[in-house]
Amino acid sequence: MSAAERLTKAGQRFVDDMIRCRGMDWVRLGMMVESYGELGTIVGMNSGANLDVVFANQLKWGKHKYNCHPWCETRYFDANGRVIRDYTMKAKAADTERAAQLDGDQEGSES
């Protein structure tokens, strides 16, 4: 395990709580997210098992943390800025469309 992958006690407690409460073993403190189109950083988890996020645009949102549901219009980014999970309606619509296309392809091949 590299130094970047090692977790602090608080980081490990956060991961353990996210697994226990939400089943999300890949979410980390300091991870960049986009919630309802606004970029921010995960700084914790609140008593409702939602994410505490500080948004990057502090002129608009200030410096305090906001309560963000982890599955509601949220995208998660890795350290290189690539999307690793996408819980937005746009992604859900694309998944539904792909599933419908697959169903159509399978029905056509059965005849």
Protein backbone atom coordinates (compact mmCIF):
# COMPACT_ATOMS: atom_id res chain seq x y z
CA MET A 1 0.00 0.00 0.00
CA SER A 2 1.44 3.38 -0.99
CA ALA A 3 1.62 6.37 1.33
CA ALA A 4 -1.21 8.01 -0.62
CA GLU A 5 -3.45 4.98 0.00
CA ARG A 6 -2.86 4.81 3.76
CA LEU A 7 -5.68 6.27 5.79
CA THR A 8 -5.54 8.30 8.97
CA LYS A 9 -7.63 7.10 11.92
CA ALA A 10 -10.32 9.63 10.99
CA GLY A 11 -10.16 8.53 7.36
CA GLN A 12 -10.50 4.87 8.29
CA ARG A 13 -13.41 5.64 10.64
CA PHE A 14 -15.10 7.56 7.79
CA VAL A 15 -14.65 4.60 5.40
CA ASP A 16 -15.93 2.16 8.03
CA ASP A 17 -18.99 4.35 8.65
CA MET A 18 -19.70 4.73 4.92
CA ILE A 19 -19.53 0.96 4.49
CA ARG A 20 -21.76 0.31 7.51
CA CYS A 21 -24.35 3.01 6.70
CA ARG A 22 -24.32 3.25 2.90
CA GLY A 23 -22.37 0.25 1.60
CA MET A 24 -19.95 2.57 -0.20
CA ASP A 25 -16.44 1.26 0.40
CA TRP A 26 -14.73 3.50 -2.18
CA VAL A 27 -15.70 6.94 -0.79
CA ARG A 28 -12.85 8.79 0.96
CA LEU A 29 -12.35 12.01 2.89
CA GLY A 30 -10.86 14.63 0.59
CA MET A 31 -12.46 13.09 -2.50
CA MET A 32 -13.76 15.53 -5.09
CA VAL A 33 -17.46 15.31 -5.89
CA GLU A 34 -19.96 17.19 -7.99
CA SER A 35 -23.35 17.64 -6.35
CA TYR A 36 -26.12 19.22 -8.41
CA GLY A 37 -23.47 20.62 -10.75
CA GLU A 38 -21.29 22.17 -8.03
CA LEU A 39 -17.76 20.88 -7.39
CA GLY A 40 -16.72 20.27 -3.82
CA THR A 41 -14.63 18.18 -1.46
CA ILE A 42 -15.87 15.57 1.01
CA VAL A 43 -14.91 16.66 4.53
CA GLY A 44 -17.02 14.23 6.57
CA MET A 45 -20.25 12.40 7.14
CA ASN A 46 -23.12 13.66 9.27
CA SER A 47 -25.52 11.89 11.62
CA GLY A 48 -27.89 11.17 8.72
CA ALA A 49 -25.11 9.23 6.93
CA ASN A 50 -25.01 11.95 4.28
CA LEU A 51 -21.82 13.58 3.06
CA ASP A 52 -20.50 16.84 4.43
CA VAL A 53 -19.17 18.75 1.41
CA VAL A 54 -17.36 22.07 1.17
CA PHE A 55 -17.95 23.56 -2.28
CA ALA A 56 -15.12 24.98 -4.35
CA ASN A 57 -17.01 28.17 -5.23
CA GLN A 58 -16.74 29.81 -1.83
CA LEU A 59 -17.91 33.16 -3.18
CA LYS A 60 -21.27 31.53 -3.87
CA TRP A 61 -21.45 28.93 -1.06
CA GLY A 62 -19.16 30.23 1.67
CA LYS A 63 -16.65 28.15 3.58
CA HIS A 64 -19.00 25.97 5.61
CA LYS A 65 -20.00 22.39 4.83
CA TYR A 66 -23.25 21.30 3.22
CA ASN A 67 -25.33 18.16 3.69
CA CYS A 68 -25.30 16.18 0.42
CA HIS A 69 -26.99 12.83 -0.16
CA PRO A 70 -24.39 10.42 -1.57
CA TRP A 71 -26.70 9.03 -4.30
CA CYS A 72 -28.64 12.15 -5.29
CA GLU A 73 -27.30 13.99 -8.36
CA THR A 74 -23.72 13.26 -7.27
CA ARG A 75 -20.63 12.31 -9.27
CA TYR A 76 -17.41 11.08 -7.69
CA PHE A 77 -13.92 11.71 -9.07
CA ASP A 78 -10.62 9.88 -8.55
CA ALA A 79 -7.34 11.67 -7.82
CA ASN A 80 -6.81 12.22 -11.57
CA GLY A 81 -10.19 13.88 -12.05
CA ARG A 82 -11.87 10.95 -13.80
CA VAL A 83 -15.47 10.12 -12.91
CA ILE A 84 -15.55 6.85 -10.98
CA ARG A 85 -19.23 6.83 -9.96
CA ASP A 86 -22.12 8.80 -11.39
CA TYR A 87 -25.47 9.04 -9.62
CA THR A 88 -26.93 11.83 -11.76
CA MET A 89 -30.25 11.62 -13.62
CA LYS A 90 -28.35 11.99 -16.91
CA ALA A 91 -26.30 8.87 -16.11
CA LYS A 92 -29.41 6.96 -15.02
CA ALA A 93 -31.17 7.90 -18.29
CA ALA A 94 -28.16 6.70 -20.30
CA ASP A 95 -28.15 3.39 -18.38
CA THR A 96 -31.87 2.94 -19.05
CA GLU A 97 -31.38 3.69 -22.75
CA ARG A 98 -28.48 1.19 -22.97
CA ALA A 99 -30.57 -1.47 -21.23
CA ALA A 100 -33.46 -0.88 -23.64
CA GLN A 101 -31.08 -1.18 -26.60
CA LEU A 102 -29.69 -4.44 -25.23
CA ASP A 103 -33.21 -5.80 -24.73
CA GLY A 104 -34.05 -4.84 -28.30
CA ASP A 105 -30.88 -6.49 -29.63
CA GLN A 106 -31.64 -9.70 -27.71
CA GLU A 107 -35.25 -9.82 -28.93
CA GLY A 108 -34.10 -9.36 -32.51
CA SER A 109 -31.54 -12.18 -32.26
CA GLU A 110 -34.11 -14.64 -30.85
CA SER A 111 -36.36 -14.51 -33.91
